[in-house]
Amino acid sequence: MADFLNSLVGSVDPYMLQILVNVGIAIVLALGLNVITGLTGQLSLGHAAFMSIGAFTSAMVTIKTGLPFVANLAVTGVVTAIVAAAIGFPILRLTGDYLAICTLGFAEIVKVFFLNFEPTNKALGLTVPQAKTSIPMPIYVWVVAILAIVLVTFVQNSRFGRALKAIREDEIAADAMGINTARYKIQAFALGSFMAGIGGGLYAHFLSYINPSDFGFLKSVDILAMVVLGGLGSVPGAVIGSSVLASAPEFLRFMSQYRMLVYGALLVFLMVFRPNGLLGGVNVTELLLRAIGRKPAGK
């Protein structure tokens, strides 16, 4: 099986393979932030910090223990979620711009910490050894991405997800209806950060080198843009938004120094004509049922 998967990955052009892996990792990261910002309505500008915690934790677990990669990702996700819960307990009492500023400050603290942390080689960055698995990393990335889609879809349609949506729409009303808003917000923050940590672990082992400077403010903005572009609270939207924004810079590379200008113009154009995102407010299930000629339930 491992030989077949390796030959399958080897048959794909390396350049296209890297784009596909970048898209897969972006999907995991965007879905994690979608739980925090899209479902719960908590604006976070520090998602890259949890990605960096996951990346360095996963790298150190591989270096120090040599755990199988599945166990490595599980440990990485749990550690990141614990850090998020510890940070979330005080800062999630804030909302709106104040919460965004706090998460931004936390992201900068994490970045400076890793820039000066001796075990992770400070500002020189860390070389990551090969993951202990026989499955090719691109296959691993996409399996995790598919599992992330299933998980967030399940969460969105669960009792927990409905409570998060209630908090997003009106936190005071949700609290009055008996929803423990503080507990639900911390749980959502931990779940989203858990996925960010796993995304960071995949990123570290695919590139085989990580540097604290890779996880700055602009990385958090990139992930947020993926969620907003696709549509806040929409799982298909987060997948499409992350796919478009992760691959657009590469497909625009032929434009040389103008590619980032076109990339920015594309974002502005979409936000003007689709302010709710590509799939914001769109019931994808209903659209699919109509496409195959079936009436949605209750219609």
Protein backbone atom coordinates (compact mmCIF):
# COMPACT_ATOMS: atom_id res chain seq x y z
CA MET A 1 0.00 0.00 0.00
CA ALA A 2 2.78 2.41 0.94
CA ASP A 3 4.61 1.64 -2.33
CA PHE A 4 1.46 2.33 -4.34
CA LEU A 5 0.89 5.67 -2.54
CA ASN A 6 4.52 6.68 -3.08
CA SER A 7 4.30 5.86 -6.79
CA LEU A 8 1.01 7.78 -7.01
CA VAL A 9 2.56 10.86 -5.42
CA GLY A 10 5.68 10.45 -7.58
CA SER A 11 3.57 10.57 -10.75
CA VAL A 12 2.37 14.11 -9.93
CA ASP A 13 4.38 17.13 -11.05
CA PRO A 14 6.36 18.38 -7.98
CA TYR A 15 5.26 21.98 -8.53
CA MET A 16 1.57 21.05 -8.70
CA LEU A 17 2.06 18.72 -5.74
CA GLN A 18 3.37 21.56 -3.60
CA ILE A 19 0.38 23.72 -4.55
CA LEU A 20 -2.02 20.89 -3.65
CA VAL A 21 -0.32 20.39 -0.27
CA ASN A 22 -0.41 24.14 0.44
CA VAL A 23 -4.14 24.13 -0.37
CA GLY A 24 -4.74 21.12 1.91
CA ILE A 25 -2.94 22.78 4.84
CA ALA A 26 -4.79 26.05 4.17
CA ILE A 27 -8.12 24.20 4.32
CA VAL A 28 -7.29 22.79 7.77
CA LEU A 29 -6.22 26.24 9.04
CA ALA A 30 -9.21 28.06 7.54
CA LEU A 31 -11.71 25.55 8.93
CA GLY A 32 -10.18 25.99 12.39
CA LEU A 33 -10.56 29.77 12.21
CA ASN A 34 -14.05 29.33 10.77
CA VAL A 35 -15.10 27.65 14.04
CA ILE A 36 -13.81 30.63 16.04
CA THR A 37 -14.77 33.54 13.79
CA GLY A 38 -17.39 32.13 11.42
CA LEU A 39 -19.48 30.04 13.83
CA THR A 40 -18.86 31.79 17.15
CA GLY A 41 -18.32 35.33 15.88
CA GLN A 42 -15.08 35.91 17.83
CA LEU A 43 -12.61 37.92 15.72
CA SER A 44 -9.14 36.43 16.10
CA LEU A 45 -5.97 37.88 14.56
CA GLY A 46 -3.66 35.38 16.25
CA HIS A 47 -4.41 32.13 14.42
CA ALA A 48 -0.86 31.97 13.06
CA ALA A 49 0.42 31.88 16.66
CA PHE A 50 -1.36 28.57 17.28
CA MET A 51 -0.10 27.32 13.94
CA SER A 52 3.45 28.12 15.07
CA ILE A 53 2.90 26.41 18.45
CA GLY A 54 1.74 23.33 16.56
CA ALA A 55 4.63 23.47 14.10
CA PHE A 56 7.36 23.75 16.75
CA THR A 57 5.68 21.27 19.10
CA SER A 58 5.35 18.69 16.32
CA ALA A 59 8.96 19.25 15.24
CA MET A 60 10.27 18.86 18.80
CA VAL A 61 8.18 15.73 19.38
CA THR A 62 9.69 14.18 16.24
CA ILE A 63 13.22 15.20 17.23
CA LYS A 64 13.02 14.16 20.90
CA THR A 65 10.72 11.13 20.88
CA GLY A 66 10.33 9.83 17.33
CA LEU A 67 6.63 9.11 17.88
CA PRO A 68 4.60 7.78 14.93
CA PHE A 69 3.19 10.72 13.01
CA VAL A 70 -0.45 10.02 13.96
CA ALA A 71 0.44 10.17 17.66
CA ASN A 72 2.64 13.19 16.96
CA LEU A 73 -0.28 15.13 15.45
CA ALA A 74 -2.58 14.09 18.30
CA VAL A 75 -0.10 15.36 20.92
CA THR A 76 0.47 18.53 18.91
CA GLY A 77 -3.23 19.29 18.64
CA VAL A 78 -3.87 18.65 22.34
CA VAL A 79 -0.94 20.85 23.44
CA THR A 80 -2.12 23.68 21.18
CA ALA A 81 -5.71 23.33 22.43
CA ILE A 82 -4.55 23.47 26.07
CA VAL A 83 -2.59 26.67 25.39
CA ALA A 84 -5.62 28.14 23.61
CA ALA A 85 -7.95 27.27 26.49
CA ALA A 86 -5.53 28.82 28.99
CA ILE A 87 -5.28 32.01 26.94
CA GLY A 88 -8.96 32.02 26.02
CA PHE A 89 -10.20 31.97 29.61
CA PRO A 90 -9.18 35.60 30.32
CA ILE A 91 -9.33 37.16 26.83
CA LEU A 92 -12.64 35.70 25.61
CA ARG A 93 -14.41 37.94 28.10
CA LEU A 94 -13.66 40.64 25.54
CA THR A 95 -15.46 41.06 22.23
CA GLY A 96 -14.98 42.77 18.87
CA ASP A 97 -11.94 44.98 18.35
CA TYR A 98 -10.68 44.43 21.90
CA LEU A 99 -10.54 40.67 21.40
CA ALA A 100 -8.81 41.12 18.03
CA ILE A 101 -6.14 43.34 19.61
CA CYS A 102 -5.57 40.81 22.42
CA THR A 103 -5.14 37.91 19.99
CA LEU A 104 -2.81 40.05 17.87
CA GLY A 105 -0.72 40.84 20.96
CA PHE A 106 -0.60 37.16 21.92
CA ALA A 107 0.59 36.28 18.40
CA GLU A 108 3.46 38.74 18.67
CA ILE A 109 4.41 37.37 22.11
CA VAL A 110 4.55 33.83 20.70
CA LYS A 111 6.63 34.98 17.73
CA VAL A 112 9.16 36.80 19.95
CA PHE A 113 9.27 33.80 22.29
CA PHE A 114 10.27 31.40 19.51
CA LEU A 115 12.74 33.96 18.11
CA ASN A 116 14.58 33.75 21.43
CA PHE A 117 13.91 30.14 22.47
CA GLU A 118 17.17 28.16 22.47
CA PRO A 119 15.74 24.62 21.96
CA THR A 120 14.09 25.70 18.69
CA ASN A 121 17.29 27.37 17.45
CA LYS A 122 16.06 30.94 18.01
CA ALA A 123 15.84 33.14 14.89
CA LEU A 124 17.83 30.68 12.76
CA GLY A 125 14.83 28.39 12.54
CA LEU A 126 14.55 24.66 13.00
CA THR A 127 15.30 21.84 10.59
CA VAL A 128 12.55 19.24 10.91
CA PRO A 129 13.43 15.55 10.40
CA GLN A 130 11.26 13.31 8.28
CA ALA A 131 8.01 12.22 9.93
CA LYS A 132 7.90 8.64 11.19
CA THR A 133 5.35 7.31 8.72
CA SER A 134 5.32 5.24 5.55
CA ILE A 135 2.47 7.31 4.08
CA PRO A 136 3.63 10.18 1.82
CA MET A 137 3.10 13.60 3.39
CA PRO A 138 0.82 14.93 0.58
CA ILE A 139 -1.56 12.00 1.15
CA TYR A 140 -1.44 12.66 4.90
CA VAL A 141 -2.27 16.34 4.37
CA TRP A 142 -5.34 15.62 2.27
CA VAL A 143 -6.61 12.85 4.55
CA VAL A 144 -6.40 15.31 7.47
CA ALA A 145 -8.07 18.02 5.35
CA ILE A 146 -10.99 15.70 4.52
CA LEU A 147 -11.32 14.68 8.18
CA ALA A 148 -11.31 18.38 9.14
CA ILE A 149 -14.15 19.07 6.69
CA VAL A 150 -16.18 16.19 8.15
CA LEU A 151 -15.46 17.30 11.73
CA VAL A 152 -16.43 20.94 11.23
CA THR A 153 -19.55 19.97 9.26
CA PHE A 154 -20.58 17.67 12.12
CA VAL A 155 -19.87 20.40 14.70
CA GLN A 156 -21.83 22.97 12.70
CA ASN A 157 -24.94 20.77 12.62
CA SER A 158 -24.68 19.59 16.22
CA ARG A 159 -26.18 21.01 19.40
CA PHE A 160 -22.78 22.50 20.16
CA GLY A 161 -22.71 24.23 16.76
CA ARG A 162 -26.20 25.65 17.21
CA ALA A 163 -25.12 27.11 20.56
CA LEU A 164 -22.12 28.73 18.86
CA LYS A 165 -24.40 30.26 16.21
CA ALA A 166 -26.66 31.62 18.94
CA ILE A 167 -23.64 33.27 20.61
CA ARG A 168 -22.60 34.75 17.26
CA GLU A 169 -26.04 36.25 16.59
CA ASP A 170 -26.66 37.67 20.07
CA GLU A 171 -24.50 36.72 23.03
CA ILE A 172 -26.75 38.39 25.59
CA ALA A 173 -29.84 36.59 24.29
CA ALA A 174 -27.94 33.27 24.21
CA ASP A 175 -26.89 33.77 27.83
CA ALA A 176 -30.47 34.59 28.79
CA MET A 177 -31.62 31.33 27.18
CA GLY A 178 -29.32 29.35 29.47
CA ILE A 179 -26.30 28.86 27.17
CA ASN A 180 -23.03 29.02 29.10
CA THR A 181 -21.43 31.48 26.69
CA ALA A 182 -18.02 31.59 28.40
CA ARG A 183 -17.64 27.80 28.32
CA TYR A 184 -18.80 27.47 24.72
CA LYS A 185 -16.50 30.24 23.51
CA ILE A 186 -13.48 28.65 25.21
CA GLN A 187 -14.36 25.25 23.74
CA ALA A 188 -14.72 26.75 20.25
CA PHE A 189 -11.42 28.61 20.66
CA ALA A 190 -9.69 25.40 21.76
CA LEU A 191 -11.19 23.38 18.88
CA GLY A 192 -10.17 25.95 16.27
CA SER A 193 -6.67 26.14 17.75
CA PHE A 194 -6.45 22.33 17.86
CA MET A 195 -6.92 22.33 14.09
CA ALA A 196 -4.42 25.18 13.68
CA GLY A 197 -1.85 23.16 15.64
CA ILE A 198 -2.37 20.12 13.43
CA GLY A 199 -2.05 22.35 10.36
CA GLY A 200 1.22 23.68 11.77
CA GLY A 201 2.51 20.13 12.32
CA LEU A 202 1.73 19.20 8.72
CA TYR A 203 3.36 22.42 7.50
CA ALA A 204 6.54 21.77 9.49
CA HIS A 205 7.00 18.20 8.26
CA PHE A 206 6.18 18.96 4.65
CA LEU A 207 8.64 21.85 4.35
CA SER A 208 11.24 20.24 6.69
CA TYR A 209 12.21 23.72 7.95
CA ILE A 210 10.34 26.30 10.03
CA ASN A 211 11.20 29.80 11.14
CA PRO A 212 9.31 31.96 13.67
CA SER A 213 9.13 34.74 11.06
CA ASP A 214 6.90 32.52 8.91
CA PHE A 215 4.08 32.87 11.45
CA GLY A 216 3.68 36.62 11.72
CA PHE A 217 0.67 38.93 11.57
CA LEU A 218 0.34 38.66 7.79
CA LYS A 219 -0.09 34.88 8.05
CA SER A 220 -3.03 35.39 10.40
CA VAL A 221 -4.52 37.92 7.98
CA ASP A 222 -4.11 35.45 5.10
CA ILE A 223 -6.06 32.77 7.01
CA LEU A 224 -8.75 35.27 8.01
CA ALA A 225 -9.05 36.41 4.37
CA MET A 226 -9.68 32.79 3.34
CA VAL A 227 -12.58 32.51 5.78
CA VAL A 228 -14.08 35.90 4.89
CA LEU A 229 -13.71 35.33 1.15
CA GLY A 230 -15.47 31.97 1.32
CA GLY A 231 -18.21 33.23 3.64
CA LEU A 232 -18.23 33.36 7.43
CA GLY A 233 -19.71 30.22 8.95
CA SER A 234 -19.74 28.28 5.67
CA VAL A 235 -17.70 25.06 5.51
CA PRO A 236 -17.77 24.83 1.68
CA GLY A 237 -16.95 28.55 1.63
CA ALA A 238 -13.88 28.07 3.84
CA VAL A 239 -12.73 25.24 1.55
CA ILE A 240 -13.19 27.32 -1.61
CA GLY A 241 -11.72 30.48 -0.08
CA SER A 242 -8.61 28.69 1.15
CA SER A 243 -8.21 26.88 -2.18
CA VAL A 244 -8.43 30.13 -4.15
CA LEU A 245 -6.15 32.21 -1.94
CA ALA A 246 -3.56 29.46 -1.38
CA SER A 247 -3.18 28.79 -5.10
CA ALA A 248 -3.77 32.26 -6.60
CA PRO A 249 -0.23 33.63 -5.96
CA GLU A 250 1.26 30.62 -7.76
CA PHE A 251 -1.09 30.76 -10.76
CA LEU A 252 -0.39 34.50 -11.04
CA ARG A 253 3.38 33.99 -10.93
CA PHE A 254 3.65 34.53 -14.70
CA MET A 255 2.82 38.20 -14.04
CA SER A 256 6.09 38.58 -12.13
CA GLN A 257 6.13 41.68 -9.92
CA TYR A 258 2.46 42.50 -10.64
CA ARG A 259 1.03 39.26 -9.30
CA MET A 260 0.44 40.56 -5.75
CA LEU A 261 -1.24 43.67 -7.20
CA VAL A 262 -3.68 41.48 -9.13
CA TYR A 263 -4.11 39.26 -6.07
CA GLY A 264 -5.14 42.28 -3.98
CA ALA A 265 -7.42 43.62 -6.71
CA LEU A 266 -9.13 40.22 -6.88
CA LEU A 267 -9.87 40.37 -3.15
CA VAL A 268 -11.25 43.91 -3.39
CA PHE A 269 -13.42 42.97 -6.39
CA LEU A 270 -14.91 39.98 -4.59
CA MET A 271 -15.56 41.91 -1.39
CA VAL A 272 -17.35 44.66 -3.35
CA PHE A 273 -19.63 42.33 -5.30
CA ARG A 274 -19.91 39.52 -2.72
CA PRO A 275 -19.56 41.22 0.70
CA ASN A 276 -20.84 38.07 2.46
CA GLY A 277 -18.21 35.92 0.75
CA LEU A 278 -18.53 33.51 -2.14
CA LEU A 279 -20.87 31.16 -0.28
CA GLY A 280 -21.96 33.37 2.61
CA GLY A 281 -25.69 32.89 3.23
CA VAL A 282 -25.88 30.15 0.57
CA ASN A 283 -27.36 26.77 1.49
CA VAL A 284 -25.07 24.48 -0.50
CA THR A 285 -27.10 21.34 0.32
CA GLU A 286 -30.25 22.97 -1.05
CA LEU A 287 -28.43 24.01 -4.21
CA LEU A 288 -27.16 20.47 -4.77
CA LEU A 289 -30.63 18.99 -4.25
CA ARG A 290 -32.11 21.43 -6.74
CA ALA A 291 -29.33 20.63 -9.22
CA ILE A 292 -30.26 16.94 -9.21
CA GLY A 293 -33.97 17.74 -9.46
CA ARG A 294 -35.01 17.01 -5.88
CA LYS A 295 -36.92 19.35 -3.58
CA PRO A 296 -35.25 20.31 -0.28
CA ALA A 297 -37.00 19.09 2.87
CA GLY A 298 -39.81 21.35 3.97
CA LYS A 299 -40.15 23.04 0.57
